[in-house]
Amino acid sequence: MTLSLYDTASRNLQDVKSTDGVTRIYCCGPTVYRDAHVGNLRTFLLADLVRRTLEISGHTVELIQNITDVGHMSEDINETEDKMLAQASLEKTDPFEIARKYESHFHLDLNRLNITAADKYPRASESILLMQEMIAELIRTGFAYVGDDGSVYFDARAFASYGAISGNRLDALKPGHRYEYSEDGAKRFHADWALWKAAGNRTEMVWDSPWGSGFPGWHIECSAMSLHFLHSHIDLHIGGIDLRFPHHENERAQSNAITGNEAVDLWLHGEHLLFEGRKMSKSAGNVVLLKDVIEQGFDPLAVRLCLLENRYRSQMDLTWQSIKAADMTLKRWRRKIQEWGVQADVRDSQFISIIENDLDTPKAIQYLRAVEKDESLTNRSSIFLFADKVLGLDLSRTEDIKPLSATQEDLLAQRDIARNEKKWSESDQLRVQLEETGLDIFDTPDGQKWAWR
């Protein structure tokens, strides 16, 4: 059996391939200037599902996921700032402290969602030399040039097959298209994009380069890191649908210009997630984080189950009601498995055929619901536990509430006193100690609350 996935470039299902016996996967990671919301996490879950499905069939997987801690220009931020600097200014701290803070939160959320860690998480800030070497090679081979403003740009017209992923043709792109608007005038062609930005008046998060002090453009980091860490060829590239253009289109041009061939075999994109019928946004006030789900008293894996009940390439609408229903389903399934008796999982070819058909997780969940109701089956527990190797719902967990230790109870009491006396520094220190024992701590209008991770 072979995992088949929908390739955005060919618009067809394609079998996932391997190179020298290893399936090499690159997944675009977070820009660590804020917490990832549940829509962002849907993409990272997609990479986890792919990995688990391949590994359950005996394939070796190497997964790389970048950490963008340099930031990049965006249409919603003044062009003299990037997202990292804007948040650092807001929180009145160093931008690299911002990066490490939210990178830590990102890994915590992955753990809460039972997402298997990538093999490496290279940081953009630690890969500047890789990017500069690639940019120098692109200049040498005629794919890039130094603009009138001292920045380095990719020459889009030098890459003949631009648009293969998104369908956007260069002659149809109007000046000012998203993310590239600010460089007009310094570029030879309006659709060219920055590989290296001249620092100008910027003094933070800048690096020396052969072209002067500056910082990398958005797209070059993924080309540099994916080719370096996956040995110049990527079997499968994963990201959210919003990255299809311009990010992945530009990334493909850069990478192919370096390798001289198709650097990526298959482009996989996860669709948007709505919440309560609307796109999540800060301005709409409906951004939902995983910690919000926990504060509502739900198992974070209820979010994972909700996401699994929808096909990855279909837009979905997440609601508090669906999270509540998923939470109840998880508890019921875990109780059922204990009632049936935990059995060793046995390879289930029916489940495998479902999941290897373009990750048909909704059908997989329907299959488990049918198994649950079929009282003639004597191996229901083993079927569920085998499926859980891919679904990652921690179905073997017992639902008994673990009691607090005497130390934990004492720390909670001390923190409650510190909060009442407004000793915020002491309160924060006690929070750290409690989190080290495996608890999540939440401050609410009704006082502090806790939950086991």
Protein backbone atom coordinates (compact mmCIF):
# COMPACT_ATOMS: atom_id res chain seq x y z
CA MET A 1 0.00 0.00 0.00
CA THR A 2 1.11 3.55 -0.74
CA LEU A 3 0.05 6.89 0.68
CA SER A 4 -1.51 9.08 -2.01
CA LEU A 5 -1.98 12.82 -1.47
CA TYR A 6 -3.39 15.71 -3.47
CA ASP A 7 -0.56 17.55 -5.21
CA THR A 8 -1.38 21.25 -5.59
CA ALA A 9 0.92 21.63 -8.59
CA SER A 10 -0.48 18.77 -10.72
CA ARG A 11 -4.03 19.03 -9.28
CA ASN A 12 -4.04 15.23 -8.96
CA LEU A 13 -3.48 12.54 -6.37
CA GLN A 14 0.15 11.48 -6.33
CA ASP A 15 1.91 8.68 -4.47
CA VAL A 16 4.34 9.92 -1.85
CA LYS A 17 7.86 8.96 -2.90
CA SER A 18 11.10 8.46 -1.05
CA THR A 19 14.72 9.22 -1.82
CA ASP A 20 17.28 6.55 -0.95
CA GLY A 21 14.71 4.84 1.27
CA VAL A 22 13.82 7.97 3.25
CA THR A 23 10.77 10.17 2.72
CA ARG A 24 12.08 13.70 3.18
CA ILE A 25 9.43 16.21 4.26
CA TYR A 26 9.60 19.96 4.81
CA CYS A 27 6.79 21.74 6.63
CA CYS A 28 6.64 25.53 6.86
CA GLY A 29 6.74 26.39 10.54
CA PRO A 30 5.55 29.32 12.65
CA THR A 31 6.65 32.93 12.73
CA VAL A 32 7.25 33.12 16.47
CA TYR A 33 5.98 36.59 17.32
CA ARG A 34 2.70 35.36 18.84
CA ASP A 35 0.98 32.13 19.90
CA ALA A 36 -0.18 29.83 17.12
CA HIS A 37 -3.97 29.69 16.92
CA VAL A 38 -5.93 26.52 16.20
CA GLY A 39 -5.99 27.33 12.48
CA ASN A 40 -2.19 27.41 12.38
CA LEU A 41 -2.08 24.16 14.32
CA ARG A 42 -4.23 22.46 11.67
CA THR A 43 -1.29 22.67 9.24
CA PHE A 44 1.14 21.22 11.77
CA LEU A 45 -1.31 18.39 12.46
CA LEU A 46 -1.36 17.65 8.72
CA ALA A 47 2.40 17.03 8.75
CA ASP A 48 1.97 14.77 11.79
CA LEU A 49 -0.73 12.71 10.07
CA VAL A 50 1.45 12.24 7.01
CA ARG A 51 4.40 11.14 9.12
CA ARG A 52 2.37 8.73 11.25
CA THR A 53 0.70 7.19 8.19
CA LEU A 54 4.02 6.58 6.47
CA GLU A 55 5.70 5.20 9.58
CA ILE A 56 2.85 2.82 10.42
CA SER A 57 3.55 1.15 7.06
CA GLY A 58 7.26 0.87 7.76
CA HIS A 59 8.59 3.91 5.92
CA THR A 60 11.45 6.01 7.27
CA VAL A 61 10.63 9.70 7.49
CA GLU A 62 12.82 12.76 7.95
CA LEU A 63 10.78 15.87 8.80
CA ILE A 64 12.20 19.38 8.96
CA GLN A 65 10.14 22.34 10.19
CA ASN A 66 11.59 25.83 10.22
CA ILE A 67 11.23 28.47 12.92
CA THR A 68 10.86 31.96 11.45
CA ASP A 69 12.38 34.20 14.11
CA VAL A 70 13.49 36.99 11.79
CA GLY A 71 10.04 38.08 10.68
CA HIS A 72 9.09 39.47 7.31
CA MET A 73 7.29 42.35 5.68
CA SER A 74 3.53 42.18 5.58
CA GLU A 75 0.78 44.41 4.29
CA ASP A 76 -0.58 44.96 7.79
CA ILE A 77 2.62 46.34 9.31
CA ASN A 78 4.57 49.49 8.49
CA GLU A 79 7.22 48.58 5.95
CA THR A 80 10.04 49.72 8.24
CA GLU A 81 9.14 47.01 10.78
CA ASP A 82 8.67 43.28 10.67
CA LYS A 83 6.44 41.18 12.88
CA MET A 84 9.17 40.28 15.35
CA LEU A 85 10.19 43.91 15.89
CA ALA A 86 6.59 45.08 16.13
CA GLN A 87 5.81 42.57 18.90
CA ALA A 88 9.08 43.31 20.69
CA SER A 89 8.12 46.99 20.74
CA LEU A 90 4.65 46.13 22.01
CA GLU A 91 6.00 43.94 24.84
CA LYS A 92 8.95 46.28 25.49
CA THR A 93 11.59 43.58 25.25
CA ASP A 94 14.30 42.25 22.96
CA PRO A 95 13.02 40.68 19.71
CA PHE A 96 15.00 37.49 20.28
CA GLU A 97 13.39 37.14 23.71
CA ILE A 98 10.04 37.39 21.94
CA ALA A 99 11.15 34.69 19.53
CA ARG A 100 12.28 32.26 22.22
CA LYS A 101 9.13 32.90 24.29
CA TYR A 102 6.70 32.09 21.50
CA GLU A 103 8.87 29.30 20.12
CA SER A 104 8.58 27.65 23.55
CA HIS A 105 4.79 28.13 23.47
CA PHE A 106 4.71 26.56 20.00
CA HIS A 107 6.45 23.39 21.17
CA LEU A 108 4.16 23.20 24.20
CA ASP A 109 1.10 23.37 21.95
CA LEU A 110 2.50 20.63 19.69
CA ASN A 111 2.93 18.45 22.76
CA ARG A 112 -0.61 19.19 23.92
CA LEU A 113 -1.94 18.15 20.50
CA ASN A 114 0.18 14.97 20.57
CA ILE A 115 2.05 16.07 17.44
CA THR A 116 5.28 14.16 16.98
CA ALA A 117 8.32 16.44 17.06
CA ALA A 118 10.12 17.12 13.79
CA ASP A 119 13.64 15.79 13.39
CA LYS A 120 15.00 19.35 13.33
CA TYR A 121 13.61 22.84 13.92
CA PRO A 122 16.20 25.11 12.26
CA ARG A 123 15.85 28.80 13.11
CA ALA A 124 16.03 31.45 10.42
CA SER A 125 18.27 33.59 12.63
CA GLU A 126 20.80 30.76 12.80
CA SER A 127 20.70 30.06 9.05
CA ILE A 128 21.66 33.50 7.71
CA LEU A 129 24.88 32.20 6.14
CA LEU A 130 22.95 29.45 4.31
CA MET A 131 20.66 32.11 2.84
CA GLN A 132 23.53 34.39 1.86
CA GLU A 133 25.32 31.54 0.09
CA MET A 134 22.17 30.74 -1.89
CA ILE A 135 21.61 34.39 -2.77
CA ALA A 136 25.20 34.70 -4.00
CA GLU A 137 24.71 31.65 -6.23
CA LEU A 138 21.45 33.04 -7.63
CA ILE A 139 23.25 36.29 -8.51
CA ARG A 140 26.12 34.36 -10.11
CA THR A 141 23.77 32.30 -12.30
CA GLY A 142 21.69 35.31 -13.41
CA PHE A 143 18.55 34.62 -11.39
CA ALA A 144 19.04 37.56 -9.01
CA TYR A 145 20.41 41.11 -9.05
CA VAL A 146 21.23 43.98 -6.73
CA GLY A 147 18.57 46.69 -6.99
CA ASP A 148 18.97 50.44 -6.96
CA ASP A 149 18.17 50.46 -3.21
CA GLY A 150 20.98 48.02 -2.32
CA SER A 151 18.59 45.12 -1.78
CA VAL A 152 18.92 41.86 -3.72
CA TYR A 153 15.96 40.70 -5.83
CA PHE A 154 15.01 37.49 -7.60
CA ASP A 155 14.45 38.06 -11.31
CA ALA A 156 11.05 36.44 -11.80
CA ARG A 157 11.23 36.64 -15.60
CA ALA A 158 14.41 34.55 -15.54
CA PHE A 159 12.39 31.57 -14.25
CA ALA A 160 10.31 30.28 -17.16
CA SER A 161 7.82 28.06 -15.30
CA TYR A 162 6.77 30.56 -12.64
CA GLY A 163 3.16 29.98 -11.59
CA ALA A 164 3.08 26.17 -11.75
CA ILE A 165 1.76 25.82 -8.20
CA SER A 166 -0.72 28.68 -7.97
CA GLY A 167 -1.61 29.21 -11.62
CA ASN A 168 -0.57 32.87 -11.38
CA ARG A 169 1.19 33.93 -14.57
CA LEU A 170 3.70 36.76 -14.45
CA ASP A 171 2.04 38.65 -17.30
CA ALA A 172 -1.25 38.62 -15.36
CA LEU A 173 0.14 39.80 -12.02
CA LYS A 174 -0.61 43.44 -11.40
CA PRO A 175 1.87 45.78 -9.70
CA GLY A 176 1.38 45.89 -5.95
CA HIS A 177 0.38 42.27 -5.44
CA ARG A 178 0.49 41.04 -1.88
CA TYR A 179 3.76 41.09 0.11
CA GLU A 180 5.86 42.64 -2.66
CA TYR A 181 4.31 46.10 -2.85
CA SER A 182 6.93 48.01 -0.90
CA GLU A 183 9.86 47.47 -3.26
CA ASP A 184 8.36 48.95 -6.41
CA GLY A 185 10.81 51.38 -8.03
CA ALA A 186 13.97 49.55 -6.98
CA LYS A 187 13.12 46.39 -8.93
CA ARG A 188 13.48 45.70 -12.64
CA PHE A 189 10.04 44.09 -12.77
CA HIS A 190 7.13 44.55 -10.38
CA ALA A 191 6.77 40.80 -9.66
CA ASP A 192 10.39 40.39 -8.55
CA TRP A 193 10.82 39.82 -4.82
CA ALA A 194 13.43 40.59 -2.19
CA LEU A 195 16.00 37.97 -1.27
CA TRP A 196 17.99 40.34 0.92
CA LYS A 197 16.71 43.65 2.23
CA ALA A 198 19.06 46.56 2.82
CA ALA A 199 18.89 47.61 6.48
CA GLY A 200 18.22 51.27 5.82
CA ASN A 201 17.36 52.87 9.18
CA ARG A 202 16.75 49.52 10.84
CA THR A 203 19.19 48.74 13.67
CA GLU A 204 17.81 45.51 15.18
CA MET A 205 17.84 42.01 13.67
CA VAL A 206 20.27 42.97 10.90
CA TRP A 207 23.31 41.08 9.65
CA ASP A 208 26.42 41.89 7.62
CA SER A 209 26.43 40.54 4.06
CA PRO A 210 28.33 40.94 0.77
CA TRP A 211 25.62 43.47 -0.17
CA GLY A 212 25.77 45.48 3.03
CA SER A 213 23.95 45.34 6.34
CA GLY A 214 20.45 43.93 6.05
CA PHE A 215 18.14 41.00 6.67
CA PRO A 216 16.68 38.15 4.59
CA GLY A 217 13.47 38.32 2.62
CA TRP A 218 10.60 36.05 3.54
CA HIS A 219 10.87 33.33 0.92
CA ILE A 220 14.62 32.63 0.85
CA GLU A 221 14.76 31.04 4.31
CA CYS A 222 12.62 28.04 3.36
CA SER A 223 14.57 27.39 0.16
CA ALA A 224 17.89 27.58 1.98
CA MET A 225 16.90 25.43 4.94
CA SER A 226 14.89 22.81 3.04
CA LEU A 227 17.66 22.19 0.49
CA HIS A 228 20.39 22.17 3.13
CA PHE A 229 18.77 19.93 5.72
CA LEU A 230 17.08 17.57 3.22
CA HIS A 231 20.09 17.14 0.95
CA SER A 232 18.89 19.18 -2.06
CA HIS A 233 15.64 17.29 -2.68
CA ILE A 234 12.28 17.37 -0.92
CA ASP A 235 9.87 14.48 -1.48
CA LEU A 236 6.96 16.31 0.13
CA HIS A 237 6.48 19.98 1.01
CA ILE A 238 3.65 20.90 3.40
CA GLY A 239 2.03 24.22 4.28
CA GLY A 240 -1.23 26.09 4.70
CA ILE A 241 -3.18 27.07 1.58
CA ASP A 242 -2.42 30.74 2.28
CA LEU A 243 1.26 29.99 1.54
CA ARG A 244 0.58 28.65 -1.95
CA PHE A 245 1.08 32.15 -3.35
CA PRO A 246 3.36 33.98 -3.19
CA HIS A 247 5.49 32.07 -0.67
CA HIS A 248 5.61 28.60 -2.20
CA GLU A 249 5.55 29.90 -5.75
CA ASN A 250 8.61 32.03 -5.01
CA GLU A 251 10.25 29.29 -2.99
CA ARG A 252 9.89 26.86 -5.91
CA ALA A 253 11.52 29.35 -8.28
CA GLN A 254 14.47 29.90 -5.94
CA SER A 255 15.02 26.22 -5.16
CA ASN A 256 14.69 25.03 -8.76
CA ALA A 257 17.05 27.75 -9.94
CA ILE A 258 19.65 26.35 -7.54
CA THR A 259 19.15 22.63 -8.21
CA GLY A 260 18.43 22.83 -11.95
CA ASN A 261 15.41 20.53 -11.58
CA GLU A 262 12.20 20.16 -9.58
CA ALA A 263 13.41 20.38 -6.00
CA VAL A 264 10.01 19.28 -4.61
CA ASP A 265 8.08 16.22 -5.82
CA LEU A 266 4.74 16.94 -4.16
CA TRP A 267 3.21 20.17 -2.78
CA LEU A 268 0.61 19.53 -0.06
CA HIS A 269 -1.63 22.30 1.30
CA GLY A 270 -4.10 22.32 4.17
CA GLU A 271 -7.21 24.47 3.86
CA HIS A 272 -8.41 27.37 6.01
CA LEU A 273 -10.16 26.93 9.32
CA LEU A 274 -13.05 29.18 10.36
CA PHE A 275 -14.28 29.62 13.90
CA GLU A 276 -18.00 30.01 14.54
CA GLY A 277 -18.48 30.77 10.84
CA ARG A 278 -15.84 33.49 10.50
CA LYS A 279 -12.18 33.67 9.59
CA MET A 280 -10.10 34.00 12.73
CA SER A 281 -8.48 37.41 13.06
CA LYS A 282 -7.28 39.72 15.80
CA SER A 283 -9.54 42.49 14.52
CA ALA A 284 -12.61 40.22 14.70
CA GLY A 285 -11.69 39.18 18.24
CA ASN A 286 -12.25 35.48 17.53
CA VAL A 287 -8.72 34.11 17.61
CA VAL A 288 -8.81 30.83 19.55
CA LEU A 289 -5.66 29.42 21.12
CA LEU A 290 -5.20 25.93 22.48
CA LYS A 291 -4.90 27.35 26.00
CA ASP A 292 -8.39 28.85 25.56
CA VAL A 293 -9.70 25.35 24.91
CA ILE A 294 -8.00 24.05 28.06
CA GLU A 295 -9.35 26.95 30.12
CA GLN A 296 -12.85 25.94 29.01
CA GLY A 297 -12.17 22.57 30.63
CA PHE A 298 -11.76 20.57 27.42
CA ASP A 299 -9.06 18.07 26.55
CA PRO A 300 -6.86 19.73 23.88
CA LEU A 301 -7.05 16.46 21.94
CA ALA A 302 -10.73 17.28 21.44
CA VAL A 303 -9.47 19.90 18.97
CA ARG A 304 -7.39 17.22 17.26
CA LEU A 305 -10.49 15.02 16.91
CA CYS A 306 -12.50 17.95 15.51
CA LEU A 307 -9.81 18.55 12.90
CA LEU A 308 -9.71 14.85 12.02
CA GLU A 309 -13.46 14.87 11.38
CA ASN A 310 -12.80 17.14 8.38
CA ARG A 311 -10.67 16.41 5.29
CA TYR A 312 -7.44 18.41 5.43
CA ARG A 313 -8.07 20.07 2.05
CA SER A 314 -11.62 21.13 2.87
CA GLN A 315 -12.38 24.40 4.61
CA MET A 316 -13.88 23.66 8.01
CA ASP A 317 -15.82 25.56 10.65
CA LEU A 318 -14.75 24.86 14.23
CA THR A 319 -17.18 25.73 17.02
CA TRP A 320 -17.26 25.46 20.80
CA GLN A 321 -20.13 23.01 20.40
CA SER A 322 -18.07 20.74 18.14
CA ILE A 323 -15.16 20.86 20.60
CA LYS A 324 -17.50 19.93 23.45
CA ALA A 325 -18.93 17.02 21.44
CA ALA A 326 -15.44 15.80 20.52
CA ASP A 327 -14.38 15.99 24.17
CA MET A 328 -17.33 13.78 25.14
CA THR A 329 -16.50 11.32 22.35
CA LEU A 330 -12.90 11.01 23.53
CA LYS A 331 -13.98 10.28 27.08
CA ARG A 332 -16.50 7.68 25.89
CA TRP A 333 -13.99 5.92 23.63
CA ARG A 334 -11.39 5.76 26.39
CA ARG A 335 -13.93 4.27 28.80
CA LYS A 336 -15.07 1.77 26.15
CA ILE A 337 -11.52 0.58 25.52
CA GLN A 338 -11.07 -0.03 29.24
CA GLU A 339 -14.40 -1.92 29.31
CA TRP A 340 -13.49 -4.01 26.27
CA GLY A 341 -10.11 -4.76 27.77
CA VAL A 342 -6.93 -3.23 26.41
CA GLN A 343 -5.61 -5.57 23.71
CA ALA A 344 -2.44 -5.49 21.67
CA ASP A 345 -3.07 -3.55 18.49
CA VAL A 346 -3.18 -5.63 15.29
CA ARG A 347 -2.57 -4.17 11.84
CA ASP A 348 -5.92 -3.25 10.33
CA SER A 349 -5.79 -3.26 6.53
CA GLN A 350 -9.22 -1.66 6.27
CA PHE A 351 -8.15 1.35 8.30
CA ILE A 352 -4.88 1.58 6.37
CA SER A 353 -6.69 1.61 3.00
CA ILE A 354 -8.91 4.45 4.25
CA ILE A 355 -6.13 6.62 5.63
CA GLU A 356 -3.74 6.05 2.72
CA ASN A 357 -6.38 7.39 0.34
CA ASP A 358 -5.47 11.07 0.70
CA LEU A 359 -5.73 11.00 4.50
CA ASP A 360 -9.47 10.39 4.55
CA THR A 361 -9.75 11.02 8.27
CA PRO A 362 -13.54 11.69 8.23
CA LYS A 363 -14.08 8.20 6.79
CA ALA A 364 -11.62 6.80 9.34
CA ILE A 365 -13.62 8.33 12.21
CA GLN A 366 -16.86 6.97 10.70
CA TYR A 367 -15.22 3.54 10.53
CA LEU A 368 -14.36 3.67 14.23
CA ARG A 369 -17.89 4.73 15.12
CA ALA A 370 -19.19 1.69 13.24
CA VAL A 371 -16.69 -0.56 15.04
CA GLU A 372 -17.81 0.89 18.38
CA LYS A 373 -21.43 -0.09 17.69
CA ASP A 374 -20.66 -3.58 16.33
CA GLU A 375 -21.04 -5.81 19.38
CA SER A 376 -20.20 -8.92 17.32
CA LEU A 377 -16.56 -7.83 17.12
CA THR A 378 -14.25 -9.24 19.77
CA ASN A 379 -11.26 -7.11 18.83
CA ARG A 380 -12.72 -3.62 19.02
CA SER A 381 -10.04 -2.45 21.42
CA SER A 382 -7.21 -3.58 19.14
CA ILE A 383 -8.83 -1.87 16.12
CA PHE A 384 -9.11 1.42 18.01
CA LEU A 385 -5.57 1.26 19.36
CA PHE A 386 -4.09 0.49 15.96
CA ALA A 387 -5.98 3.42 14.41
CA ASP A 388 -4.76 5.61 17.25
CA LYS A 389 -1.18 5.17 16.05
CA VAL A 390 -2.17 7.52 13.22
CA LEU A 391 -5.01 9.49 14.80
CA GLY A 392 -2.97 10.28 17.92
CA LEU A 393 -5.92 10.67 20.31
CA ASP A 394 -4.30 8.93 23.28
CA LEU A 395 -7.18 6.45 23.42
CA SER A 396 -5.45 4.11 25.87
CA ARG A 397 -5.50 6.82 28.54
CA THR A 398 -7.62 6.14 31.59
CA GLU A 399 -10.01 8.93 32.49
CA ASP A 400 -9.46 8.79 36.26
CA ILE A 401 -8.43 12.18 37.62
CA LYS A 402 -4.92 12.01 38.99
CA PRO A 403 -4.73 13.45 42.53
CA LEU A 404 -2.45 16.36 43.33
CA SER A 405 0.68 15.69 45.34
CA ALA A 406 1.20 17.37 48.70
CA THR A 407 3.89 19.53 47.09
CA GLN A 408 1.54 20.66 44.36
CA GLU A 409 -1.22 21.50 46.83
CA ASP A 410 1.26 23.50 48.90
CA LEU A 411 2.54 25.42 45.87
CA LEU A 412 -1.02 26.19 44.76
CA ALA A 413 -1.85 27.51 48.22
CA GLN A 414 1.31 29.66 48.28
CA ARG A 415 0.49 31.06 44.86
CA ASP A 416 -3.07 31.83 45.89
CA ILE A 417 -1.74 33.88 48.81
CA ALA A 418 0.82 35.63 46.58
CA ARG A 419 -1.90 36.60 44.10
CA ASN A 420 -4.17 37.94 46.85
CA GLU A 421 -1.27 40.02 48.19
CA LYS A 422 -0.45 41.19 44.63
CA LYS A 423 3.07 39.74 44.79
CA TRP A 424 3.15 39.16 41.05
CA SER A 425 6.82 38.23 40.75
CA GLU A 426 6.45 35.54 43.44
CA SER A 427 3.24 34.38 41.77
CA ASP A 428 5.05 33.98 38.44
CA GLN A 429 7.87 31.99 40.08
CA LEU A 430 5.36 29.65 41.71
CA ARG A 431 3.61 29.19 38.34
CA VAL A 432 6.89 28.01 36.82
CA GLN A 433 7.40 25.54 39.67
CA LEU A 434 3.86 24.18 39.25
CA GLU A 435 4.25 23.83 35.48
CA GLU A 436 7.45 21.84 36.05
CA THR A 437 5.34 19.30 37.99
CA GLY A 438 3.07 18.76 34.96
CA LEU A 439 0.25 21.22 35.68
CA ASP A 440 -1.15 24.01 33.49
CA ILE A 441 -2.11 27.05 35.57
CA PHE A 442 -4.84 29.50 34.56
CA ASP A 443 -5.79 32.76 36.23
CA THR A 444 -9.51 33.50 35.96
CA PRO A 445 -11.88 36.05 37.54
CA ASP A 446 -12.85 33.27 39.95
CA GLY A 447 -9.26 32.59 40.99
CA GLN A 448 -6.50 30.28 39.79
CA LYS A 449 -7.38 26.98 38.18
CA TRP A 450 -5.24 24.04 37.13
CA ALA A 451 -5.29 21.09 34.77
CA TRP A 452 -3.01 18.12 34.16
CA ARG A 453 -1.13 18.22 30.88
